[in-house]
PDB file of N, CA and C in Angstrom:
ATOM      1  N   UNK A   1     -90.262 -18.932 -24.576  1.00  0.00           N
ATOM      2  CA  UNK A   1     -90.063 -17.883 -23.596  1.00  0.00           C
ATOM      3  C   UNK A   1     -91.290 -17.884 -22.688  1.00  0.00           C
ATOM      4  N   UNK A   2     -91.052 -17.838 -21.384  1.00  0.00           N
ATOM      5  CA  UNK A   2     -92.202 -17.829 -20.481  1.00  0.00           C
ATOM      6  C   UNK A   2     -92.946 -16.500 -20.606  1.00  0.00           C
ATOM      7  N   UNK A   3     -94.227 -16.547 -20.330  1.00  0.00           N
ATOM      8  CA  UNK A   3     -95.090 -15.369 -20.515  1.00  0.00           C
ATOM      9  C   UNK A   3     -94.625 -14.179 -19.680  1.00  0.00           C
ATOM     10  N   UNK A   4     -94.134 -14.428 -18.462  1.00  0.00           N
ATOM     11  CA  UNK A   4     -93.677 -13.338 -17.605  1.00  0.00           C
ATOM     12  C   UNK A   4     -92.451 -12.645 -18.212  1.00  0.00           C
ATOM     13  N   UNK A   5     -91.511 -13.423 -18.718  1.00  0.00           N
ATOM     14  CA  UNK A   5     -90.323 -12.848 -19.347  1.00  0.00           C
ATOM     15  C   UNK A   5     -90.695 -12.082 -20.602  1.00  0.00           C
ATOM     16  N   UNK A   6     -91.571 -12.662 -21.398  1.00  0.00           N
ATOM     17  CA  UNK A   6     -92.030 -11.999 -22.616  1.00  0.00           C
ATOM     18  C   UNK A   6     -92.694 -10.657 -22.284  1.00  0.00           C
ATOM     19  N   UNK A   7     -93.512 -10.650 -21.247  1.00  0.00           N
ATOM     20  CA  UNK A   7     -94.176  -9.410 -20.830  1.00  0.00           C
ATOM     21  C   UNK A   7     -93.146  -8.384 -20.349  1.00  0.00           C
ATOM     22  N   UNK A   8     -92.148  -8.823 -19.590  1.00  0.00           N
ATOM     23  CA  UNK A   8     -91.113  -7.913 -19.102  1.00  0.00           C
ATOM     24  C   UNK A   8     -90.352  -7.291 -20.265  1.00  0.00           C
ATOM     25  N   UNK A   9     -90.041  -8.098 -21.266  1.00  0.00           N
ATOM     26  CA  UNK A   9     -89.324  -7.585 -22.436  1.00  0.00           C
ATOM     27  C   UNK A   9     -90.188  -6.561 -23.170  1.00  0.00           C
ATOM     28  N   UNK A  10     -91.448  -6.898 -23.409  1.00  0.00           N
ATOM     29  CA  UNK A  10     -92.332  -5.961 -24.113  1.00  0.00           C
ATOM     30  C   UNK A  10     -92.546  -4.682 -23.313  1.00  0.00           C
ATOM     31  N   UNK A  11     -92.678  -4.809 -21.999  1.00  0.00           N
ATOM     32  CA  UNK A  11     -92.826  -3.615 -21.156  1.00  0.00           C
ATOM     33  C   UNK A  11     -91.584  -2.735 -21.249  1.00  0.00           C
ATOM     34  N   UNK A  12     -90.417  -3.362 -21.153  1.00  0.00           N
ATOM     35  CA  UNK A  12     -89.156  -2.620 -21.232  1.00  0.00           C
ATOM     36  C   UNK A  12     -89.019  -1.915 -22.584  1.00  0.00           C
ATOM     37  N   UNK A  13     -89.271  -2.649 -23.647  1.00  0.00           N
ATOM     38  CA  UNK A  13     -89.148  -2.065 -24.984  1.00  0.00           C
ATOM     39  C   UNK A  13     -90.187  -0.972 -25.205  1.00  0.00           C
ATOM     40  N   UNK A  14     -91.383  -1.161 -24.702  1.00  0.00           N
ATOM     41  CA  UNK A  14     -92.426  -0.148 -24.851  1.00  0.00           C
ATOM     42  C   UNK A  14     -92.047   1.156 -24.163  1.00  0.00           C
ATOM     43  N   UNK A  15     -91.348   1.053 -23.055  1.00  0.00           N
ATOM     44  CA  UNK A  15     -90.928   2.243 -22.319  1.00  0.00           C
ATOM     45  C   UNK A  15     -89.712   2.926 -22.938  1.00  0.00           C
ATOM     46  N   UNK A  16     -88.865   2.159 -23.639  1.00  0.00           N
ATOM     47  CA  UNK A  16     -87.579   2.685 -24.075  1.00  0.00           C
ATOM     48  C   UNK A  16     -87.407   2.860 -25.577  1.00  0.00           C
ATOM     49  N   UNK A  17     -88.307   2.304 -26.364  1.00  0.00           N
ATOM     50  CA  UNK A  17     -88.209   2.443 -27.814  1.00  0.00           C
ATOM     51  C   UNK A  17     -89.401   3.240 -28.335  1.00  0.00           C
ATOM     52  N   UNK A  18     -89.183   3.906 -29.435  1.00  0.00           N
ATOM     53  CA  UNK A  18     -90.303   4.595 -30.080  1.00  0.00           C
ATOM     54  C   UNK A  18     -91.266   3.535 -30.623  1.00  0.00           C
ATOM     55  N   UNK A  19     -92.522   3.910 -30.855  1.00  0.00           N
ATOM     56  CA  UNK A  19     -93.472   2.940 -31.426  1.00  0.00           C
ATOM     57  C   UNK A  19     -92.963   2.330 -32.741  1.00  0.00           C
ATOM     58  N   UNK A  20     -92.301   3.130 -33.549  1.00  0.00           N
ATOM     59  CA  UNK A  20     -91.771   2.631 -34.821  1.00  0.00           C
ATOM     60  C   UNK A  20     -90.675   1.588 -34.582  1.00  0.00           C
ATOM     61  N   UNK A  21     -89.758   1.864 -33.642  1.00  0.00           N
ATOM     62  CA  UNK A  21     -88.694   0.896 -33.329  1.00  0.00           C
ATOM     63  C   UNK A  21     -89.263  -0.363 -32.690  1.00  0.00           C
ATOM     64  N   UNK A  22     -90.284  -0.195 -31.847  1.00  0.00           N
ATOM     65  CA  UNK A  22     -90.910  -1.346 -31.216  1.00  0.00           C
ATOM     66  C   UNK A  22     -91.550  -2.251 -32.266  1.00  0.00           C
ATOM     67  N   UNK A  23     -92.255  -1.654 -33.208  1.00  0.00           N
ATOM     68  CA  UNK A  23     -92.862  -2.427 -34.290  1.00  0.00           C
ATOM     69  C   UNK A  23     -91.782  -3.124 -35.114  1.00  0.00           C
ATOM     70  N   UNK A  24     -90.702  -2.399 -35.403  1.00  0.00           N
ATOM     71  CA  UNK A  24     -89.584  -2.976 -36.146  1.00  0.00           C
ATOM     72  C   UNK A  24     -89.022  -4.192 -35.401  1.00  0.00           C
ATOM     73  N   UNK A  25     -88.795  -4.054 -34.095  1.00  0.00           N
ATOM     74  CA  UNK A  25     -88.247  -5.162 -33.308  1.00  0.00           C
ATOM     75  C   UNK A  25     -89.193  -6.356 -33.300  1.00  0.00           C
ATOM     76  N   UNK A  26     -90.483  -6.093 -33.237  1.00  0.00           N
ATOM     77  CA  UNK A  26     -91.470  -7.158 -33.279  1.00  0.00           C
ATOM     78  C   UNK A  26     -91.377  -7.937 -34.598  1.00  0.00           C
ATOM     79  N   UNK A  27     -91.291  -7.219 -35.709  1.00  0.00           N
ATOM     80  CA  UNK A  27     -91.204  -7.888 -37.009  1.00  0.00           C
ATOM     81  C   UNK A  27     -89.869  -8.602 -37.202  1.00  0.00           C
ATOM     82  N   UNK A  28     -88.810  -8.056 -36.658  1.00  0.00           N
ATOM     83  CA  UNK A  28     -87.514  -8.744 -36.707  1.00  0.00           C
ATOM     84  C   UNK A  28     -87.609 -10.052 -35.913  1.00  0.00           C
ATOM     85  N   UNK A  29     -88.271 -10.016 -34.762  1.00  0.00           N
ATOM     86  CA  UNK A  29     -88.441 -11.228 -33.958  1.00  0.00           C
ATOM     87  C   UNK A  29     -89.246 -12.283 -34.720  1.00  0.00           C
ATOM     88  N   UNK A  30     -90.298 -11.852 -35.406  1.00  0.00           N
ATOM     89  CA  UNK A  30     -91.108 -12.800 -36.186  1.00  0.00           C
ATOM     90  C   UNK A  30     -90.275 -13.443 -37.295  1.00  0.00           C
ATOM     91  N   UNK A  31     -89.487 -12.621 -37.975  1.00  0.00           N
ATOM     92  CA  UNK A  31     -88.628 -13.139 -39.041  1.00  0.00           C
ATOM     93  C   UNK A  31     -87.560 -14.076 -38.472  1.00  0.00           C
ATOM     94  N   UNK A  32     -87.002 -13.720 -37.323  1.00  0.00           N
ATOM     95  CA  UNK A  32     -85.984 -14.557 -36.692  1.00  0.00           C
ATOM     96  C   UNK A  32     -86.553 -15.930 -36.334  1.00  0.00           C
ATOM     97  N   UNK A  33     -87.771 -15.963 -35.838  1.00  0.00           N
ATOM     98  CA  UNK A  33     -88.419 -17.237 -35.510  1.00  0.00           C
ATOM     99  C   UNK A  33     -88.635 -18.061 -36.769  1.00  0.00           C
ATOM    100  N   UNK A  34     -89.070 -17.422 -37.825  1.00  0.00           N
ATOM    101  CA  UNK A  34     -89.276 -18.124 -39.100  1.00  0.00           C
ATOM    102  C   UNK A  34     -87.960 -18.725 -39.615  1.00  0.00           C
ATOM    103  N   UNK A  35     -86.898 -17.929 -39.564  1.00  0.00           N
ATOM    104  CA  UNK A  35     -85.588 -18.421 -40.012  1.00  0.00           C
ATOM    105  C   UNK A  35     -85.075 -19.549 -39.114  1.00  0.00           C
ATOM    106  N   UNK A  36     -85.243 -19.403 -37.816  1.00  0.00           N
ATOM    107  CA  UNK A  36     -84.806 -20.443 -36.885  1.00  0.00           C
ATOM    108  C   UNK A  36     -85.553 -21.746 -37.152  1.00  0.00           C
ATOM    109  N   UNK A  37     -86.826 -21.634 -37.430  1.00  0.00           N
ATOM    110  CA  UNK A  37     -87.627 -22.816 -37.719  1.00  0.00           C
ATOM    111  C   UNK A  37     -87.131 -23.526 -38.975  1.00  0.00           C
ATOM    112  N   UNK A  38     -86.831 -22.750 -40.002  1.00  0.00           N
ATOM    113  CA  UNK A  38     -86.353 -23.344 -41.262  1.00  0.00           C
ATOM    114  C   UNK A  38     -84.980 -23.981 -41.120  1.00  0.00           C
ATOM    115  N   UNK A  39     -84.187 -23.482 -40.170  1.00  0.00           N
ATOM    116  CA  UNK A  39     -82.819 -23.989 -39.998  1.00  0.00           C
ATOM    117  C   UNK A  39     -82.670 -24.828 -38.734  1.00  0.00           C
ATOM    118  N   UNK A  40     -83.796 -25.284 -38.190  1.00  0.00           N
ATOM    119  CA  UNK A  40     -83.860 -26.098 -36.972  1.00  0.00           C
ATOM    120  C   UNK A  40     -82.986 -25.536 -35.844  1.00  0.00           C
ATOM    121  N   UNK A  41     -83.166 -24.262 -35.579  1.00  0.00           N
ATOM    122  CA  UNK A  41     -82.479 -23.591 -34.478  1.00  0.00           C
ATOM    123  C   UNK A  41     -83.491 -23.245 -33.389  1.00  0.00           C
ATOM    124  N   UNK A  42     -83.000 -22.803 -32.273  1.00  0.00           N
ATOM    125  CA  UNK A  42     -83.856 -22.473 -31.128  1.00  0.00           C
ATOM    126  C   UNK A  42     -84.718 -21.247 -31.435  1.00  0.00           C
ATOM    127  N   UNK A  43     -86.012 -21.461 -31.547  1.00  0.00           N
ATOM    128  CA  UNK A  43     -86.932 -20.376 -31.905  1.00  0.00           C
ATOM    129  C   UNK A  43     -87.089 -19.358 -30.778  1.00  0.00           C
ATOM    130  N   UNK A  44     -87.003 -19.796 -29.544  1.00  0.00           N
ATOM    131  CA  UNK A  44     -87.131 -18.875 -28.410  1.00  0.00           C
ATOM    132  C   UNK A  44     -85.939 -17.920 -28.364  1.00  0.00           C
ATOM    133  N   UNK A  45     -84.754 -18.455 -28.561  1.00  0.00           N
ATOM    134  CA  UNK A  45     -83.559 -17.598 -28.590  1.00  0.00           C
ATOM    135  C   UNK A  45     -83.622 -16.628 -29.764  1.00  0.00           C
ATOM    136  N   UNK A  46     -84.073 -17.117 -30.887  1.00  0.00           N
ATOM    137  CA  UNK A  46     -84.195 -16.259 -32.065  1.00  0.00           C
ATOM    138  C   UNK A  46     -85.197 -15.143 -31.816  1.00  0.00           C
ATOM    139  N   UNK A  47     -86.326 -15.472 -31.216  1.00  0.00           N
ATOM    140  CA  UNK A  47     -87.342 -14.462 -30.915  1.00  0.00           C
ATOM    141  C   UNK A  47     -86.780 -13.417 -29.945  1.00  0.00           C
ATOM    142  N   UNK A  48     -86.101 -13.871 -28.915  1.00  0.00           N
ATOM    143  CA  UNK A  48     -85.527 -12.967 -27.924  1.00  0.00           C
ATOM    144  C   UNK A  48     -84.494 -12.052 -28.573  1.00  0.00           C
ATOM    145  N   UNK A  49     -83.633 -12.615 -29.397  1.00  0.00           N
ATOM    146  CA  UNK A  49     -82.616 -11.807 -30.083  1.00  0.00           C
ATOM    147  C   UNK A  49     -83.276 -10.776 -30.996  1.00  0.00           C
ATOM    148  N   UNK A  50     -84.305 -11.184 -31.700  1.00  0.00           N
ATOM    149  CA  UNK A  50     -85.012 -10.254 -32.578  1.00  0.00           C
ATOM    150  C   UNK A  50     -85.648  -9.108 -31.814  1.00  0.00           C
ATOM    151  N   UNK A  51     -86.246  -9.428 -30.677  1.00  0.00           N
ATOM    152  CA  UNK A  51     -86.878  -8.381 -29.871  1.00  0.00           C
ATOM    153  C   UNK A  51     -85.853  -7.417 -29.283  1.00  0.00           C
ATOM    154  N   UNK A  52     -84.726  -7.937 -28.859  1.00  0.00           N
ATOM    155  CA  UNK A  52     -83.763  -7.127 -28.109  1.00  0.00           C
ATOM    156  C   UNK A  52     -82.655  -6.509 -28.959  1.00  0.00           C
ATOM    157  N   UNK A  53     -82.644  -6.779 -30.247  1.00  0.00           N
ATOM    158  CA  UNK A  53     -81.501  -6.355 -31.055  1.00  0.00           C
ATOM    159  C   UNK A  53     -81.284  -4.842 -31.089  1.00  0.00           C
ATOM    160  N   UNK A  54     -82.293  -4.041 -30.849  1.00  0.00           N
ATOM    161  CA  UNK A  54     -82.151  -2.578 -30.858  1.00  0.00           C
ATOM    162  C   UNK A  54     -82.242  -1.947 -29.469  1.00  0.00           C
ATOM    163  N   UNK A  55     -82.354  -2.751 -28.438  1.00  0.00           N
ATOM    164  CA  UNK A  55     -82.683  -2.193 -27.126  1.00  0.00           C
ATOM    165  C   UNK A  55     -81.599  -1.284 -26.556  1.00  0.00           C
ATOM    166  N   UNK A  56     -80.356  -1.408 -26.981  1.00  0.00           N
ATOM    167  CA  UNK A  56     -79.292  -0.555 -26.424  1.00  0.00           C
ATOM    168  C   UNK A  56     -79.097   0.740 -27.205  1.00  0.00           C
ATOM    169  N   UNK A  57     -79.814   0.907 -28.278  1.00  0.00           N
ATOM    170  CA  UNK A  57     -79.616   2.109 -29.094  1.00  0.00           C
ATOM    171  C   UNK A  57     -79.985   3.395 -28.371  1.00  0.00           C
ATOM    172  N   UNK A  58     -80.886   3.308 -27.412  1.00  0.00           N
ATOM    173  CA  UNK A  58     -81.295   4.509 -26.699  1.00  0.00           C
ATOM    174  C   UNK A  58     -80.318   4.867 -25.581  1.00  0.00           C
ATOM    175  N   UNK A  59     -79.424   3.944 -25.217  1.00  0.00           N
ATOM    176  CA  UNK A  59     -78.528   4.157 -24.084  1.00  0.00           C
ATOM    177  C   UNK A  59     -77.433   5.173 -24.409  1.00  0.00           C
ATOM    178  N   UNK A  60     -77.124   6.006 -23.437  1.00  0.00           N
ATOM    179  CA  UNK A  60     -75.952   6.877 -23.584  1.00  0.00           C
ATOM    180  C   UNK A  60     -74.715   6.004 -23.403  1.00  0.00           C
ATOM    181  N   UNK A  61     -73.573   6.496 -23.842  1.00  0.00           N
ATOM    182  CA  UNK A  61     -72.342   5.736 -23.675  1.00  0.00           C
ATOM    183  C   UNK A  61     -72.046   5.487 -22.192  1.00  0.00           C
ATOM    184  N   UNK A  62     -72.307   6.484 -21.366  1.00  0.00           N
ATOM    185  CA  UNK A  62     -72.067   6.339 -19.927  1.00  0.00           C
ATOM    186  C   UNK A  62     -72.933   5.229 -19.334  1.00  0.00           C
ATOM    187  N   UNK A  63     -74.196   5.198 -19.737  1.00  0.00           N
ATOM    188  CA  UNK A  63     -75.110   4.163 -19.252  1.00  0.00           C
ATOM    189  C   UNK A  63     -74.657   2.788 -19.738  1.00  0.00           C
ATOM    190  N   UNK A  64     -74.228   2.724 -20.983  1.00  0.00           N
ATOM    191  CA  UNK A  64     -73.772   1.474 -21.585  1.00  0.00           C
ATOM    192  C   UNK A  64     -72.570   0.923 -20.822  1.00  0.00           C
ATOM    193  N   UNK A  65     -71.596   1.792 -20.495  1.00  0.00           N
ATOM    194  CA  UNK A  65     -70.416   1.376 -19.734  1.00  0.00           C
ATOM    195  C   UNK A  65     -70.836   0.895 -18.349  1.00  0.00           C
ATOM    196  N   UNK A  66     -71.692   1.661 -17.690  1.00  0.00           N
ATOM    197  CA  UNK A  66     -72.160   1.295 -16.355  1.00  0.00           C
ATOM    198  C   UNK A  66     -72.880  -0.043 -16.379  1.00  0.00           C
ATOM    199  N   UNK A  67     -73.632  -0.294 -17.442  1.00  0.00           N
ATOM    200  CA  UNK A  67     -74.336  -1.568 -17.620  1.00  0.00           C
ATOM    201  C   UNK A  67     -73.354  -2.732 -17.515  1.00  0.00           C
ATOM    202  N   UNK A  68     -72.195  -2.627 -18.167  1.00  0.00           N
ATOM    203  CA  UNK A  68     -71.204  -3.703 -18.130  1.00  0.00           C
ATOM    204  C   UNK A  68     -70.425  -3.723 -16.824  1.00  0.00           C
ATOM    205  N   UNK A  69     -70.161  -2.558 -16.260  1.00  0.00           N
ATOM    206  CA  UNK A  69     -69.452  -2.512 -14.977  1.00  0.00           C
ATOM    207  C   UNK A  69     -70.226  -3.272 -13.909  1.00  0.00           C
ATOM    208  N   UNK A  70     -71.525  -3.087 -13.896  1.00  0.00           N
ATOM    209  CA  UNK A  70     -72.362  -3.748 -12.895  1.00  0.00           C
ATOM    210  C   UNK A  70     -72.344  -5.261 -13.061  1.00  0.00           C
ATOM    211  N   UNK A  71     -72.070  -5.739 -14.252  1.00  0.00           N
ATOM    212  CA  UNK A  71     -72.065  -7.177 -14.525  1.00  0.00           C
ATOM    213  C   UNK A  71     -70.667  -7.768 -14.518  1.00  0.00           C
ATOM    214  N   UNK A  72     -69.661  -6.911 -14.326  1.00  0.00           N
ATOM    215  CA  UNK A  72     -68.270  -7.348 -14.243  1.00  0.00           C
ATOM    216  C   UNK A  72     -67.880  -8.229 -15.434  1.00  0.00           C
ATOM    217  N   UNK A  73     -68.190  -7.759 -16.621  1.00  0.00           N
ATOM    218  CA  UNK A  73     -67.921  -8.516 -17.843  1.00  0.00           C
ATOM    219  C   UNK A  73     -66.721  -7.939 -18.591  1.00  0.00           C
ATOM    220  N   UNK A  74     -66.009  -8.796 -19.273  1.00  0.00           N
ATOM    221  CA  UNK A  74     -64.928  -8.378 -20.139  1.00  0.00           C
ATOM    222  C   UNK A  74     -65.510  -8.063 -21.513  1.00  0.00           C
ATOM    223  N   UNK A  75     -64.990  -7.024 -22.153  1.00  0.00           N
ATOM    224  CA  UNK A  75     -65.454  -6.683 -23.500  1.00  0.00           C
ATOM    225  C   UNK A  75     -64.697  -7.547 -24.503  1.00  0.00           C
ATOM    226  N   UNK A  76     -65.351  -8.592 -24.968  1.00  0.00           N
ATOM    227  CA  UNK A  76     -64.711  -9.507 -25.910  1.00  0.00           C
ATOM    228  C   UNK A  76     -64.737  -8.951 -27.329  1.00  0.00           C
ATOM    229  N   UNK A  77     -65.702  -8.106 -27.618  1.00  0.00           N
ATOM    230  CA  UNK A  77     -65.844  -7.580 -28.971  1.00  0.00           C
ATOM    231  C   UNK A  77     -65.759  -6.062 -28.954  1.00  0.00           C
ATOM    232  N   UNK A  78     -64.731  -5.544 -28.285  1.00  0.00           N
ATOM    233  CA  UNK A  78     -64.589  -4.103 -28.102  1.00  0.00           C
ATOM    234  C   UNK A  78     -64.513  -3.368 -29.440  1.00  0.00           C
ATOM    235  N   UNK A  79     -63.773  -3.907 -30.400  1.00  0.00           N
ATOM    236  CA  UNK A  79     -63.652  -3.239 -31.705  1.00  0.00           C
ATOM    237  C   UNK A  79     -65.008  -3.130 -32.394  1.00  0.00           C
ATOM    238  N   UNK A  80     -65.840  -4.125 -32.253  1.00  0.00           N
ATOM    239  CA  UNK A  80     -67.174  -4.067 -32.822  1.00  0.00           C
ATOM    240  C   UNK A  80     -68.047  -3.030 -32.141  1.00  0.00           C
ATOM    241  N   UNK A  81     -67.862  -2.892 -30.837  1.00  0.00           N
ATOM    242  CA  UNK A  81     -68.647  -1.911 -30.087  1.00  0.00           C
ATOM    243  C   UNK A  81     -68.259  -0.502 -30.498  1.00  0.00           C
ATOM    244  N   UNK A  82     -66.956  -0.217 -30.555  1.00  0.00           N
ATOM    245  CA  UNK A  82     -66.551   1.162 -30.852  1.00  0.00           C
ATOM    246  C   UNK A  82     -66.838   1.544 -32.298  1.00  0.00           C
ATOM    247  N   UNK A  83     -67.004   0.561 -33.161  1.00  0.00           N
ATOM    248  CA  UNK A  83     -67.375   0.867 -34.543  1.00  0.00           C
ATOM    249  C   UNK A  83     -68.711   1.604 -34.576  1.00  0.00           C
ATOM    250  N   UNK A  84     -69.623   1.212 -33.703  1.00  0.00           N
ATOM    251  CA  UNK A  84     -70.952   1.806 -33.681  1.00  0.00           C
ATOM    252  C   UNK A  84     -71.120   2.872 -32.601  1.00  0.00           C
ATOM    253  N   UNK A  85     -70.214   2.902 -31.641  1.00  0.00           N
ATOM    254  CA  UNK A  85     -70.272   3.875 -30.553  1.00  0.00           C
ATOM    255  C   UNK A  85     -68.888   4.464 -30.342  1.00  0.00           C
ATOM    256  N   UNK A  86     -68.428   5.336 -31.234  1.00  0.00           N
ATOM    257  CA  UNK A  86     -67.049   5.829 -31.175  1.00  0.00           C
ATOM    258  C   UNK A  86     -66.679   6.543 -29.887  1.00  0.00           C
ATOM    259  N   UNK A  87     -67.608   7.233 -29.260  1.00  0.00           N
ATOM    260  CA  UNK A  87     -67.260   7.925 -28.021  1.00  0.00           C
ATOM    261  C   UNK A  87     -67.054   6.949 -26.869  1.00  0.00           C
ATOM    262  N   UNK A  88     -67.508   5.749 -27.021  1.00  0.00           N
ATOM    263  CA  UNK A  88     -67.336   4.717 -26.007  1.00  0.00           C
ATOM    264  C   UNK A  88     -65.848   4.493 -25.719  1.00  0.00           C
ATOM    265  N   UNK A  89     -65.038   4.506 -26.759  1.00  0.00           N
ATOM    266  CA  UNK A  89     -63.600   4.290 -26.625  1.00  0.00           C
ATOM    267  C   UNK A  89     -62.981   5.335 -25.706  1.00  0.00           C
ATOM    268  N   UNK A  90     -63.345   6.586 -25.898  1.00  0.00           N
ATOM    269  CA  UNK A  90     -62.809   7.682 -25.097  1.00  0.00           C
ATOM    270  C   UNK A  90     -63.235   7.552 -23.640  1.00  0.00           C
ATOM    271  N   UNK A  91     -64.486   7.210 -23.421  1.00  0.00           N
ATOM    272  CA  UNK A  91     -65.002   7.106 -22.062  1.00  0.00           C
ATOM    273  C   UNK A  91     -64.449   5.902 -21.316  1.00  0.00           C
ATOM    274  N   UNK A  92     -64.234   4.835 -22.043  1.00  0.00           N
ATOM    275  CA  UNK A  92     -63.854   3.574 -21.421  1.00  0.00           C
ATOM    276  C   UNK A  92     -62.336   3.467 -21.230  1.00  0.00           C
ATOM    277  N   UNK A  93     -61.570   3.958 -22.158  1.00  0.00           N
ATOM    278  CA  UNK A  93     -60.123   3.850 -22.078  1.00  0.00           C
ATOM    279  C   UNK A  93     -59.581   2.825 -23.044  1.00  0.00           C
ATOM    280  N   UNK A  94     -58.321   2.978 -23.371  1.00  0.00           N
ATOM    281  CA  UNK A  94     -57.717   2.134 -24.407  1.00  0.00           C
ATOM    282  C   UNK A  94     -57.623   0.662 -24.035  1.00  0.00           C
ATOM    283  N   UNK A  95     -57.430   0.355 -22.772  1.00  0.00           N
ATOM    284  CA  UNK A  95     -57.228  -1.035 -22.381  1.00  0.00           C
ATOM    285  C   UNK A  95     -58.528  -1.740 -22.016  1.00  0.00           C
ATOM    286  N   UNK A  96     -59.622  -1.125 -22.335  1.00  0.00           N
ATOM    287  CA  UNK A  96     -60.929  -1.667 -21.965  1.00  0.00           C
ATOM    288  C   UNK A  96     -61.137  -3.070 -22.523  1.00  0.00           C
ATOM    289  N   UNK A  97     -60.670  -3.319 -23.710  1.00  0.00           N
ATOM    290  CA  UNK A  97     -60.909  -4.609 -24.337  1.00  0.00           C
ATOM    291  C   UNK A  97     -60.080  -5.721 -23.689  1.00  0.00           C
ATOM    292  N   UNK A  98     -59.020  -5.356 -22.982  1.00  0.00           N
ATOM    293  CA  UNK A  98     -58.135  -6.356 -22.413  1.00  0.00           C
ATOM    294  C   UNK A  98     -58.378  -6.576 -20.918  1.00  0.00           C
ATOM    295  N   UNK A  99     -59.234  -5.774 -20.352  1.00  0.00           N
ATOM    296  CA  UNK A  99     -59.468  -5.889 -18.906  1.00  0.00           C
ATOM    297  C   UNK A  99     -60.948  -5.780 -18.600  1.00  0.00           C
ATOM    298  N   UNK A 100     -61.271  -6.169 -17.395  1.00  0.00           N
ATOM    299  CA  UNK A 100     -62.643  -5.970 -16.945  1.00  0.00           C
ATOM    300  C   UNK A 100     -62.759  -4.540 -16.469  1.00  0.00           C
ATOM    301  N   UNK A 101     -63.881  -3.888 -16.786  1.00  0.00           N
ATOM    302  CA  UNK A 101     -64.053  -2.509 -16.333  1.00  0.00           C
ATOM    303  C   UNK A 101     -64.976  -2.469 -15.145  1.00  0.00           C
TER     304      UNK A 101
END
């Protein structure tokens, strides 16, 4: 990961996560890199995934929906999303998983 991107991620997480969650994400990233190394996988992707795995937890459902609307993405894993964000289903609508929002 380039230093500028790494700094942007840390800045973003520092602003949006509690110190405890930030520390947790840091340690998850370290573990992800270790696992990727042992399994000959991409360590940069593993580190990025570890750092960002909790970054959406602070988002409101409305913000989360708007995040995807701006990117014009289809929800491929809608059932997985609503499992953890039940109000998302109500806000988004029943056909959200089959269409772009």
